[in-house]
Amino acid sequence: MVSPLDAVVRDFLAHLVVERGVSTNTSSAYRRDLGRYVEFLAARGAVELRAAQERDVEDYVAALTTGEATGTPMSAASVARAIAAVRGLHRFALLEGRVDVDVAAGLRSPVRPKRLPKAITVDEVTRLLDAVAVGDGPIPLRDRAILELLYSTGARISEVTGLDVDDIDMTPGRGSVRLFGKGRKERVVPVGSFAIEAVDAYLVRARPALAVAGRGTPALFLNARGARLSRQSVWAVLQKAAERAQLTAHVSPHTLRHSFATHLLHGGADVRVVQELLGHASVTTTQLYTLVTVDTLREVYAAAHPRAISDTPSR
């Protein structure tokens, strides 16, 4: 026999899938989180959700954080998801008339620590770009052009795979590319000489051969069938190049975007210029990259400030 607690959880999960269209992974995660919550309430003698008190909810969150409810402390991200599940359950129950008060309404997710963007060094970028152009034929030329363009512009992988031939200006010394970011927001970003050279080599010596198999798409980067290259294909190109370059760090298309921003800031670029280049709506997002440069700032300070380092030992 299904308990009243299990019944309301079952109905809430069904609501999420049928009416909210959440993914299978999200539904499974919520099922696990709410299963723990039901066990926690049952251990306190609450046989129905209406018996739960605000203190029970607060104690449950504390038990997740300390590991009392799971055996090991949960990460801030996992606790935040569990809180979202509990809040959603109680809000659903209130709207369905199964409880009179939403005792989880005051719950707040823990502040998740800012994660520093992953970046690789300039030397590692060079090794990566050298490793991608292996072999003869149009594919190596295409792959080199893609990675050069990703690093030269800081573009998202979707922005590069979405490019058409007419979106890039190959004028020597004034090369630029028109990118369409989130919400189809357009921005024009300069393209460095190395990327221009790589793209030019691809357009002249590789793209025509790839286009023969297709149906005349305007896409800049083509696959072996002459169609627009997919994001998954670019991911595979990058992974193979990273393996050849023997890079130990995890490298993704976003790694090149992070490296682009970090290297610009290391070189003295203004954070608002980097914001425009990345297409960030808010400078707050871009400022996260400035945290990466703190070691460099310390080194410059220590070397340049006349009273940064004492010549005599402290007393």
C-alpha atoms as a PDB file:
ATOM      1  CA  MET A   1       0.000   0.000   0.000  1.00  0.00           C
ATOM      2  CA  VAL A   2       1.329   3.433  -0.976  1.00  0.00           C
ATOM      3  CA  SER A   3       1.743   5.789   1.974  1.00  0.00           C
ATOM      4  CA  PRO A   4       0.264   9.307   1.798  1.00  0.00           C
ATOM      5  CA  LEU A   5       3.818  10.719   1.645  1.00  0.00           C
ATOM      6  CA  ASP A   6       4.815   8.451  -1.223  1.00  0.00           C
ATOM      7  CA  ALA A   7       1.570   9.243  -3.030  1.00  0.00           C
ATOM      8  CA  VAL A   8       2.125  12.991  -3.070  1.00  0.00           C
ATOM      9  CA  VAL A   9       5.725  12.511  -4.232  1.00  0.00           C
ATOM     10  CA  ARG A  10       4.522  10.205  -7.012  1.00  0.00           C
ATOM     11  CA  ASP A  11       1.946  12.744  -8.167  1.00  0.00           C
ATOM     12  CA  PHE A  12       4.470  15.597  -8.017  1.00  0.00           C
ATOM     13  CA  LEU A  13       6.971  13.684 -10.145  1.00  0.00           C
ATOM     14  CA  ALA A  14       4.238  12.846 -12.649  1.00  0.00           C
ATOM     15  CA  HIS A  15       3.338  16.550 -12.762  1.00  0.00           C
ATOM     16  CA  LEU A  16       6.966  17.435 -13.515  1.00  0.00           C
ATOM     17  CA  VAL A  17       7.211  14.979 -16.386  1.00  0.00           C
ATOM     18  CA  VAL A  18       3.788  15.427 -17.970  1.00  0.00           C
ATOM     19  CA  GLU A  19       3.074  19.110 -17.428  1.00  0.00           C
ATOM     20  CA  ARG A  20       6.516  20.640 -16.967  1.00  0.00           C
ATOM     21  CA  GLY A  21       8.384  18.392 -19.391  1.00  0.00           C
ATOM     22  CA  VAL A  22      11.467  17.863 -17.238  1.00  0.00           C
ATOM     23  CA  SER A  23      14.122  15.459 -18.457  1.00  0.00           C
ATOM     24  CA  THR A  24      14.452  11.858 -17.318  1.00  0.00           C
ATOM     25  CA  ASN A  25      17.695  12.700 -15.514  1.00  0.00           C
ATOM     26  CA  THR A  26      16.073  15.551 -13.572  1.00  0.00           C
ATOM     27  CA  SER A  27      13.080  13.394 -12.684  1.00  0.00           C
ATOM     28  CA  SER A  28      15.365  10.593 -11.427  1.00  0.00           C
ATOM     29  CA  ALA A  29      17.415  13.020  -9.353  1.00  0.00           C
ATOM     30  CA  TYR A  30      14.279  14.510  -7.786  1.00  0.00           C
ATOM     31  CA  ARG A  31      12.975  11.001  -7.052  1.00  0.00           C
ATOM     32  CA  ARG A  32      16.161  10.191  -5.120  1.00  0.00           C
ATOM     33  CA  ASP A  33      16.141  13.511  -3.275  1.00  0.00           C
ATOM     34  CA  LEU A  34      12.485  13.238  -2.289  1.00  0.00           C
ATOM     35  CA  GLY A  35      12.924   9.586  -1.323  1.00  0.00           C
ATOM     36  CA  ARG A  36      15.430  10.726   1.295  1.00  0.00           C
ATOM     37  CA  TYR A  37      13.060  13.472   2.399  1.00  0.00           C
ATOM     38  CA  VAL A  38      10.184  11.027   2.854  1.00  0.00           C
ATOM     39  CA  GLU A  39      12.397   8.713   4.921  1.00  0.00           C
ATOM     40  CA  PHE A  40      13.523  11.668   7.035  1.00  0.00           C
ATOM     41  CA  LEU A  41       9.942  12.778   7.732  1.00  0.00           C
ATOM     42  CA  ALA A  42       8.749   9.223   8.407  1.00  0.00           C
ATOM     43  CA  ALA A  43      11.531   8.773  10.966  1.00  0.00           C
ATOM     44  CA  ARG A  44      10.098  11.809  12.757  1.00  0.00           C
ATOM     45  CA  GLY A  45       6.608  10.328  12.757  1.00  0.00           C
ATOM     46  CA  ALA A  46       5.186  12.437   9.934  1.00  0.00           C
ATOM     47  CA  VAL A  47       2.912  10.095   7.952  1.00  0.00           C
ATOM     48  CA  GLU A  48       1.456  12.888   5.799  1.00  0.00           C
ATOM     49  CA  LEU A  49       3.067  15.950   4.246  1.00  0.00           C
ATOM     50  CA  ARG A  50       0.700  18.236   6.154  1.00  0.00           C
ATOM     51  CA  ALA A  51       2.346  16.982   9.355  1.00  0.00           C
ATOM     52  CA  ALA A  52       5.736  18.405   8.322  1.00  0.00           C
ATOM     53  CA  GLN A  53       6.812  21.568  10.102  1.00  0.00           C
ATOM     54  CA  GLU A  54       9.193  24.324   9.047  1.00  0.00           C
ATOM     55  CA  ARG A  55      11.706  23.003  11.582  1.00  0.00           C
ATOM     56  CA  ASP A  56      11.609  19.572   9.896  1.00  0.00           C
ATOM     57  CA  VAL A  57      12.488  21.107   6.560  1.00  0.00           C
ATOM     58  CA  GLU A  58      15.361  23.117   8.043  1.00  0.00           C
ATOM     59  CA  ASP A  59      16.700  20.080   9.892  1.00  0.00           C
ATOM     60  CA  TYR A  60      16.551  17.998   6.712  1.00  0.00           C
ATOM     61  CA  VAL A  61      18.676  20.530   4.822  1.00  0.00           C
ATOM     62  CA  ALA A  62      21.145  20.604   7.703  1.00  0.00           C
ATOM     63  CA  ALA A  63      21.294  16.787   7.640  1.00  0.00           C
ATOM     64  CA  LEU A  64      22.168  16.881   3.942  1.00  0.00           C
ATOM     65  CA  THR A  65      24.926  19.397   4.531  1.00  0.00           C
ATOM     66  CA  THR A  66      26.495  17.496   7.418  1.00  0.00           C
ATOM     67  CA  GLY A  67      26.039  14.085   5.817  1.00  0.00           C
ATOM     68  CA  GLU A  68      23.652  12.791   8.495  1.00  0.00           C
ATOM     69  CA  ALA A  69      20.978  12.037   5.872  1.00  0.00           C
ATOM     70  CA  THR A  70      23.277  10.530   3.242  1.00  0.00           C
ATOM     71  CA  GLY A  71      26.357   9.194   5.026  1.00  0.00           C
ATOM     72  CA  THR A  72      28.637  11.840   3.483  1.00  0.00           C
ATOM     73  CA  PRO A  73      28.160  15.617   3.202  1.00  0.00           C
ATOM     74  CA  MET A  74      26.586  16.667  -0.085  1.00  0.00           C
ATOM     75  CA  SER A  75      28.086  19.313  -2.323  1.00  0.00           C
ATOM     76  CA  ALA A  76      26.507  22.765  -2.467  1.00  0.00           C
ATOM     77  CA  ALA A  77      25.151  21.958  -5.935  1.00  0.00           C
ATOM     78  CA  SER A  78      23.516  18.728  -4.744  1.00  0.00           C
ATOM     79  CA  VAL A  79      22.039  20.438  -1.680  1.00  0.00           C
ATOM     80  CA  ALA A  80      20.657  23.187  -3.917  1.00  0.00           C
ATOM     81  CA  ARG A  81      18.971  20.588  -6.126  1.00  0.00           C
ATOM     82  CA  ALA A  82      17.524  18.777  -3.076  1.00  0.00           C
ATOM     83  CA  ILE A  83      16.163  22.071  -1.756  1.00  0.00           C
ATOM     84  CA  ALA A  84      14.568  22.772  -5.134  1.00  0.00           C
ATOM     85  CA  ALA A  85      12.917  19.346  -5.027  1.00  0.00           C
ATOM     86  CA  VAL A  86      11.546  19.871  -1.516  1.00  0.00           C
ATOM     87  CA  ARG A  87      10.316  23.382  -2.286  1.00  0.00           C
ATOM     88  CA  GLY A  88       8.660  22.154  -5.459  1.00  0.00           C
ATOM     89  CA  LEU A  89       6.937  19.308  -3.612  1.00  0.00           C
ATOM     90  CA  HIS A  90       5.478  21.563  -0.929  1.00  0.00           C
ATOM     91  CA  ARG A  91       4.402  24.218  -3.439  1.00  0.00           C
ATOM     92  CA  PHE A  92       2.690  21.527  -5.537  1.00  0.00           C
ATOM     93  CA  ALA A  93       0.946  20.133  -2.467  1.00  0.00           C
ATOM     94  CA  LEU A  94      -0.320  23.593  -1.515  1.00  0.00           C
ATOM     95  CA  LEU A  95      -1.680  24.289  -5.001  1.00  0.00           C
ATOM     96  CA  GLU A  96      -3.351  20.868  -5.024  1.00  0.00           C
ATOM     97  CA  GLY A  97      -4.990  21.537  -1.663  1.00  0.00           C
ATOM     98  CA  ARG A  98      -3.152  18.697   0.096  1.00  0.00           C
ATOM     99  CA  VAL A  99      -1.598  21.017   2.661  1.00  0.00           C
ATOM    100  CA  ASP A 100      -2.795  24.277   4.158  1.00  0.00           C
ATOM    101  CA  VAL A 101       0.620  25.931   4.521  1.00  0.00           C
ATOM    102  CA  ASP A 102       3.817  25.772   2.474  1.00  0.00           C
ATOM    103  CA  VAL A 103       6.367  25.168   5.213  1.00  0.00           C
ATOM    104  CA  ALA A 104       9.243  25.136   2.698  1.00  0.00           C
ATOM    105  CA  ALA A 105       8.513  28.565   1.240  1.00  0.00           C
ATOM    106  CA  GLY A 106      11.288  30.194   3.263  1.00  0.00           C
ATOM    107  CA  LEU A 107      14.001  27.763   2.156  1.00  0.00           C
ATOM    108  CA  ARG A 108      16.960  29.353   0.405  1.00  0.00           C
ATOM    109  CA  SER A 109      19.578  27.521  -1.622  1.00  0.00           C
ATOM    110  CA  PRO A 110      23.147  27.705  -0.305  1.00  0.00           C
ATOM    111  CA  VAL A 111      25.459  30.164  -2.002  1.00  0.00           C
ATOM    112  CA  ARG A 112      27.417  28.147  -4.504  1.00  0.00           C
ATOM    113  CA  PRO A 113      31.111  29.065  -4.690  1.00  0.00           C
ATOM    114  CA  LYS A 114      32.237  30.705  -7.901  1.00  0.00           C
ATOM    115  CA  ARG A 115      34.177  28.274 -10.025  1.00  0.00           C
ATOM    116  CA  LEU A 116      37.182  29.685 -11.760  1.00  0.00           C
ATOM    117  CA  PRO A 117      37.063  29.134 -15.504  1.00  0.00           C
ATOM    118  CA  LYS A 118      39.446  26.442 -16.702  1.00  0.00           C
ATOM    119  CA  ALA A 119      42.137  27.797 -18.958  1.00  0.00           C
ATOM    120  CA  ILE A 120      45.232  26.344 -20.553  1.00  0.00           C
ATOM    121  CA  THR A 121      48.504  28.170 -21.089  1.00  0.00           C
ATOM    122  CA  VAL A 122      49.590  29.873 -24.299  1.00  0.00           C
ATOM    123  CA  ASP A 123      52.163  27.116 -24.802  1.00  0.00           C
ATOM    124  CA  GLU A 124      49.468  24.464 -24.409  1.00  0.00           C
ATOM    125  CA  VAL A 125      47.250  26.271 -26.923  1.00  0.00           C
ATOM    126  CA  THR A 126      50.142  26.269 -29.400  1.00  0.00           C
ATOM    127  CA  ARG A 127      50.713  22.545 -28.873  1.00  0.00           C
ATOM    128  CA  LEU A 128      46.988  21.921 -29.349  1.00  0.00           C
ATOM    129  CA  LEU A 129      46.852  23.881 -32.603  1.00  0.00           C
ATOM    130  CA  ASP A 130      49.978  22.171 -33.922  1.00  0.00           C
ATOM    131  CA  ALA A 131      48.534  18.762 -33.072  1.00  0.00           C
ATOM    132  CA  VAL A 132      45.273  19.282 -34.936  1.00  0.00           C
ATOM    133  CA  ALA A 133      46.864  19.784 -38.368  1.00  0.00           C
ATOM    134  CA  VAL A 134      48.092  16.199 -38.832  1.00  0.00           C
ATOM    135  CA  GLY A 135      47.901  14.492 -42.218  1.00  0.00           C
ATOM    136  CA  ASP A 136      46.946  15.595 -45.707  1.00  0.00           C
ATOM    137  CA  GLY A 137      43.626  16.419 -47.281  1.00  0.00           C
ATOM    138  CA  PRO A 138      40.792  18.852 -46.544  1.00  0.00           C
ATOM    139  CA  ILE A 139      39.906  17.568 -43.038  1.00  0.00           C
ATOM    140  CA  PRO A 140      43.149  18.646 -41.269  1.00  0.00           C
ATOM    141  CA  LEU A 141      42.909  22.075 -42.931  1.00  0.00           C
ATOM    142  CA  ARG A 142      39.307  22.408 -41.779  1.00  0.00           C
ATOM    143  CA  ASP A 143      40.074  21.280 -38.240  1.00  0.00           C
ATOM    144  CA  ARG A 144      43.013  23.689 -37.901  1.00  0.00           C
ATOM    145  CA  ALA A 145      40.828  26.563 -39.133  1.00  0.00           C
ATOM    146  CA  ILE A 146      38.103  25.727 -36.610  1.00  0.00           C
ATOM    147  CA  LEU A 147      40.389  25.638 -33.578  1.00  0.00           C
ATOM    148  CA  GLU A 148      42.329  28.717 -34.685  1.00  0.00           C
ATOM    149  CA  LEU A 149      39.035  30.591 -35.040  1.00  0.00           C
ATOM    150  CA  LEU A 150      37.710  29.401 -31.667  1.00  0.00           C
ATOM    151  CA  TYR A 151      40.827  30.606 -29.859  1.00  0.00           C
ATOM    152  CA  SER A 152      41.211  33.797 -31.921  1.00  0.00           C
ATOM    153  CA  THR A 153      37.657  35.002 -31.231  1.00  0.00           C
ATOM    154  CA  GLY A 154      36.612  33.358 -27.955  1.00  0.00           C
ATOM    155  CA  ALA A 155      33.476  32.199 -29.756  1.00  0.00           C
ATOM    156  CA  ARG A 156      31.132  29.579 -28.398  1.00  0.00           C
ATOM    157  CA  ILE A 157      31.157  26.294 -30.290  1.00  0.00           C
ATOM    158  CA  SER A 158      27.560  26.886 -31.472  1.00  0.00           C
ATOM    159  CA  GLU A 159      28.548  30.300 -32.822  1.00  0.00           C
ATOM    160  CA  VAL A 160      31.366  28.841 -34.935  1.00  0.00           C
ATOM    161  CA  THR A 161      29.374  25.900 -36.280  1.00  0.00           C
ATOM    162  CA  GLY A 162      26.575  28.350 -37.116  1.00  0.00           C
ATOM    163  CA  LEU A 163      28.816  30.547 -39.275  1.00  0.00           C
ATOM    164  CA  ASP A 164      28.172  31.022 -42.980  1.00  0.00           C
ATOM    165  CA  VAL A 165      30.911  31.901 -45.464  1.00  0.00           C
ATOM    166  CA  ASP A 166      29.650  35.490 -45.715  1.00  0.00           C
ATOM    167  CA  ASP A 167      29.980  35.978 -41.939  1.00  0.00           C
ATOM    168  CA  ILE A 168      33.757  36.258 -42.036  1.00  0.00           C
ATOM    169  CA  ASP A 169      35.725  39.212 -43.432  1.00  0.00           C
ATOM    170  CA  MET A 170      39.152  38.108 -44.657  1.00  0.00           C
ATOM    171  CA  THR A 171      40.553  41.601 -45.280  1.00  0.00           C
ATOM    172  CA  PRO A 172      44.284  41.520 -44.316  1.00  0.00           C
ATOM    173  CA  GLY A 173      44.892  43.442 -41.103  1.00  0.00           C
ATOM    174  CA  ARG A 174      41.159  44.009 -40.609  1.00  0.00           C
ATOM    175  CA  GLY A 175      39.818  40.481 -40.401  1.00  0.00           C
ATOM    176  CA  SER A 176      36.608  40.047 -38.439  1.00  0.00           C
ATOM    177  CA  VAL A 177      33.756  37.636 -37.955  1.00  0.00           C
ATOM    178  CA  ARG A 178      30.066  38.211 -37.307  1.00  0.00           C
ATOM    179  CA  LEU A 179      28.897  35.968 -34.480  1.00  0.00           C
ATOM    180  CA  PHE A 180      25.353  35.298 -33.327  1.00  0.00           C
ATOM    181  CA  GLY A 181      25.231  34.566 -29.608  1.00  0.00           C
ATOM    182  CA  LYS A 182      22.482  33.767 -27.159  1.00  0.00           C
ATOM    183  CA  GLY A 183      19.130  35.112 -28.260  1.00  0.00           C
ATOM    184  CA  ARG A 184      20.603  35.643 -31.747  1.00  0.00           C
ATOM    185  CA  LYS A 185      22.390  38.727 -30.445  1.00  0.00           C
ATOM    186  CA  GLU A 186      24.895  39.794 -33.078  1.00  0.00           C
ATOM    187  CA  ARG A 187      28.445  40.977 -32.432  1.00  0.00           C
ATOM    188  CA  VAL A 188      31.494  41.548 -34.631  1.00  0.00           C
ATOM    189  CA  VAL A 189      34.798  40.240 -33.294  1.00  0.00           C
ATOM    190  CA  PRO A 190      38.302  40.829 -34.723  1.00  0.00           C
ATOM    191  CA  VAL A 191      40.114  37.775 -36.077  1.00  0.00           C
ATOM    192  CA  GLY A 192      43.874  37.405 -35.683  1.00  0.00           C
ATOM    193  CA  SER A 193      46.272  36.807 -38.568  1.00  0.00           C
ATOM    194  CA  PHE A 194      46.920  33.154 -37.677  1.00  0.00           C
ATOM    195  CA  ALA A 195      43.208  32.362 -37.788  1.00  0.00           C
ATOM    196  CA  ILE A 196      42.733  34.347 -41.009  1.00  0.00           C
ATOM    197  CA  GLU A 197      45.572  32.393 -42.626  1.00  0.00           C
ATOM    198  CA  ALA A 198      44.104  29.063 -41.449  1.00  0.00           C
ATOM    199  CA  VAL A 199      40.572  29.912 -42.615  1.00  0.00           C
ATOM    200  CA  ASP A 200      41.885  31.166 -45.967  1.00  0.00           C
ATOM    201  CA  ALA A 201      43.792  27.902 -46.504  1.00  0.00           C
ATOM    202  CA  TYR A 202      40.624  25.973 -45.673  1.00  0.00           C
ATOM    203  CA  LEU A 203      38.430  28.028 -48.022  1.00  0.00           C
ATOM    204  CA  VAL A 204      40.849  27.713 -50.938  1.00  0.00           C
ATOM    205  CA  ARG A 205      42.179  24.182 -50.540  1.00  0.00           C
ATOM    206  CA  ALA A 206      39.597  22.251 -48.505  1.00  0.00           C
ATOM    207  CA  ARG A 207      36.043  23.570 -48.536  1.00  0.00           C
ATOM    208  CA  PRO A 208      35.516  23.160 -52.308  1.00  0.00           C
ATOM    209  CA  ALA A 209      36.400  19.457 -52.027  1.00  0.00           C
ATOM    210  CA  LEU A 210      34.001  18.972 -49.119  1.00  0.00           C
ATOM    211  CA  ALA A 211      31.220  20.972 -50.781  1.00  0.00           C
ATOM    212  CA  VAL A 212      31.145  18.617 -53.795  1.00  0.00           C
ATOM    213  CA  ALA A 213      29.312  15.998 -51.733  1.00  0.00           C
ATOM    214  CA  GLY A 214      26.695  18.472 -50.463  1.00  0.00           C
ATOM    215  CA  ARG A 215      23.800  20.525 -51.796  1.00  0.00           C
ATOM    216  CA  GLY A 216      25.201  24.022 -51.813  1.00  0.00           C
ATOM    217  CA  THR A 217      24.917  25.003 -48.130  1.00  0.00           C
ATOM    218  CA  PRO A 218      26.295  28.451 -47.198  1.00  0.00           C
ATOM    219  CA  ALA A 219      27.806  26.985 -44.009  1.00  0.00           C
ATOM    220  CA  LEU A 220      31.444  27.891 -43.449  1.00  0.00           C
ATOM    221  CA  PHE A 221      32.537  24.591 -41.940  1.00  0.00           C
ATOM    222  CA  LEU A 222      31.419  21.407 -43.687  1.00  0.00           C
ATOM    223  CA  ASN A 223      31.551  17.719 -42.841  1.00  0.00           C
ATOM    224  CA  ALA A 224      32.586  14.930 -45.229  1.00  0.00           C
ATOM    225  CA  ARG A 225      29.031  14.853 -46.660  1.00  0.00           C
ATOM    226  CA  GLY A 226      29.137  18.529 -47.564  1.00  0.00           C
ATOM    227  CA  ALA A 227      26.667  19.541 -44.815  1.00  0.00           C
ATOM    228  CA  ARG A 228      27.129  21.935 -41.909  1.00  0.00           C
ATOM    229  CA  LEU A 229      29.506  20.563 -39.293  1.00  0.00           C
ATOM    230  CA  SER A 230      27.895  19.679 -35.945  1.00  0.00           C
ATOM    231  CA  ARG A 231      28.988  20.717 -32.469  1.00  0.00           C
ATOM    232  CA  GLN A 232      29.609  17.061 -31.600  1.00  0.00           C
ATOM    233  CA  SER A 233      32.066  16.804 -34.507  1.00  0.00           C
ATOM    234  CA  VAL A 234      33.999  19.854 -33.316  1.00  0.00           C
ATOM    235  CA  TRP A 235      34.135  18.332 -29.821  1.00  0.00           C
ATOM    236  CA  ALA A 236      35.637  15.155 -31.305  1.00  0.00           C
ATOM    237  CA  VAL A 237      38.204  17.174 -33.276  1.00  0.00           C
ATOM    238  CA  LEU A 238      39.298  18.955 -30.117  1.00  0.00           C
ATOM    239  CA  GLN A 239      39.541  15.764 -28.079  1.00  0.00           C
ATOM    240  CA  LYS A 240      41.755  14.075 -30.676  1.00  0.00           C
ATOM    241  CA  ALA A 241      44.009  17.130 -30.864  1.00  0.00           C
ATOM    242  CA  ALA A 242      44.286  17.280 -27.060  1.00  0.00           C
ATOM    243  CA  GLU A 243      45.294  13.609 -26.971  1.00  0.00           C
ATOM    244  CA  ARG A 244      47.936  14.127 -29.652  1.00  0.00           C
ATOM    245  CA  ALA A 245      49.257  17.186 -27.794  1.00  0.00           C
ATOM    246  CA  GLN A 246      49.353  15.108 -24.578  1.00  0.00           C
ATOM    247  CA  LEU A 247      47.505  17.758 -22.613  1.00  0.00           C
ATOM    248  CA  THR A 248      46.733  16.497 -19.118  1.00  0.00           C
ATOM    249  CA  ALA A 249      44.006  19.087 -18.418  1.00  0.00           C
ATOM    250  CA  HIS A 250      40.450  18.444 -19.568  1.00  0.00           C
ATOM    251  CA  VAL A 251      40.006  20.385 -22.788  1.00  0.00           C
ATOM    252  CA  SER A 252      36.644  21.338 -24.262  1.00  0.00           C
ATOM    253  CA  PRO A 253      35.559  23.975 -26.800  1.00  0.00           C
ATOM    254  CA  HIS A 254      34.731  26.182 -23.824  1.00  0.00           C
ATOM    255  CA  THR A 255      38.328  25.762 -22.633  1.00  0.00           C
ATOM    256  CA  LEU A 256      39.493  27.751 -25.646  1.00  0.00           C
ATOM    257  CA  ARG A 257      36.909  30.450 -24.856  1.00  0.00           C
ATOM    258  CA  HIS A 258      38.134  30.637 -21.253  1.00  0.00           C
ATOM    259  CA  SER A 259      41.761  30.689 -22.403  1.00  0.00           C
ATOM    260  CA  PHE A 260      40.991  33.475 -24.898  1.00  0.00           C
ATOM    261  CA  ALA A 261      39.567  35.668 -22.122  1.00  0.00           C
ATOM    262  CA  THR A 262      42.254  34.827 -19.574  1.00  0.00           C
ATOM    263  CA  HIS A 263      45.126  35.467 -21.980  1.00  0.00           C
ATOM    264  CA  LEU A 264      43.635  38.811 -23.038  1.00  0.00           C
ATOM    265  CA  LEU A 265      43.353  39.924 -19.417  1.00  0.00           C
ATOM    266  CA  HIS A 266      46.884  38.725 -18.711  1.00  0.00           C
ATOM    267  CA  GLY A 267      47.990  40.876 -21.626  1.00  0.00           C
ATOM    268  CA  GLY A 268      46.372  43.967 -20.128  1.00  0.00           C
ATOM    269  CA  ALA A 269      43.021  44.067 -21.932  1.00  0.00           C
ATOM    270  CA  ASP A 270      40.233  46.008 -20.237  1.00  0.00           C
ATOM    271  CA  VAL A 271      37.538  43.779 -18.750  1.00  0.00           C
ATOM    272  CA  ARG A 272      34.784  45.661 -20.597  1.00  0.00           C
ATOM    273  CA  VAL A 273      36.511  45.055 -23.922  1.00  0.00           C
ATOM    274  CA  VAL A 274      36.677  41.350 -23.102  1.00  0.00           C
ATOM    275  CA  GLN A 275      32.986  41.510 -22.159  1.00  0.00           C
ATOM    276  CA  GLU A 276      32.130  42.815 -25.625  1.00  0.00           C
ATOM    277  CA  LEU A 277      34.307  40.229 -27.345  1.00  0.00           C
ATOM    278  CA  LEU A 278      32.716  37.361 -25.413  1.00  0.00           C
ATOM    279  CA  GLY A 279      29.193  38.671 -25.882  1.00  0.00           C
ATOM    280  CA  HIS A 280      28.411  38.710 -22.151  1.00  0.00           C
ATOM    281  CA  ALA A 281      25.268  40.651 -21.286  1.00  0.00           C
ATOM    282  CA  SER A 282      26.771  41.733 -17.960  1.00  0.00           C
ATOM    283  CA  VAL A 283      30.330  42.650 -17.046  1.00  0.00           C
ATOM    284  CA  THR A 284      29.797  40.706 -13.806  1.00  0.00           C
ATOM    285  CA  THR A 285      30.066  37.464 -15.769  1.00  0.00           C
ATOM    286  CA  THR A 286      33.301  38.584 -17.407  1.00  0.00           C
ATOM    287  CA  GLN A 287      34.800  39.704 -14.088  1.00  0.00           C
ATOM    288  CA  LEU A 288      34.932  36.075 -13.015  1.00  0.00           C
ATOM    289  CA  TYR A 289      37.916  35.756 -15.339  1.00  0.00           C
ATOM    290  CA  THR A 290      39.778  38.426 -13.410  1.00  0.00           C
ATOM    291  CA  LEU A 291      39.990  35.993 -10.489  1.00  0.00           C
ATOM    292  CA  VAL A 292      42.207  33.808 -12.655  1.00  0.00           C
ATOM    293  CA  THR A 293      44.783  36.562 -12.991  1.00  0.00           C
ATOM    294  CA  VAL A 294      45.239  37.186  -9.269  1.00  0.00           C
ATOM    295  CA  ASP A 295      48.566  35.319  -9.173  1.00  0.00           C
ATOM    296  CA  THR A 296      49.863  37.452 -12.024  1.00  0.00           C
ATOM    297  CA  LEU A 297      48.728  40.589 -10.225  1.00  0.00           C
ATOM    298  CA  ARG A 298      50.612  39.519  -7.098  1.00  0.00           C
ATOM    299  CA  GLU A 299      53.763  38.861  -9.116  1.00  0.00           C
ATOM    300  CA  VAL A 300      53.585  42.262 -10.809  1.00  0.00           C
ATOM    301  CA  TYR A 301      52.884  43.980  -7.487  1.00  0.00           C
ATOM    302  CA  ALA A 302      55.777  42.231  -5.753  1.00  0.00           C
ATOM    303  CA  ALA A 303      58.171  43.145  -8.553  1.00  0.00           C
ATOM    304  CA  ALA A 304      57.041  46.736  -9.080  1.00  0.00           C
ATOM    305  CA  HIS A 305      55.968  48.213  -5.743  1.00  0.00           C
ATOM    306  CA  PRO A 306      58.866  49.801  -3.823  1.00  0.00           C
ATOM    307  CA  ARG A 307      57.610  48.600  -0.460  1.00  0.00           C
ATOM    308  CA  ALA A 308      56.088  45.269  -1.468  1.00  0.00           C
ATOM    309  CA  ILE A 309      58.988  43.201  -0.115  1.00  0.00           C
ATOM    310  CA  SER A 310      61.082  44.136   2.893  1.00  0.00           C
ATOM    311  CA  ASP A 311      64.871  43.824   2.655  1.00  0.00           C
ATOM    312  CA  THR A 312      65.129  43.285   6.387  1.00  0.00           C
ATOM    313  CA  PRO A 313      63.509  40.526   8.418  1.00  0.00           C
ATOM    314  CA  SER A 314      60.501  41.534  10.463  1.00  0.00           C
ATOM    315  CA  ARG A 315      61.063  41.921  14.184  1.00  0.00           C
END
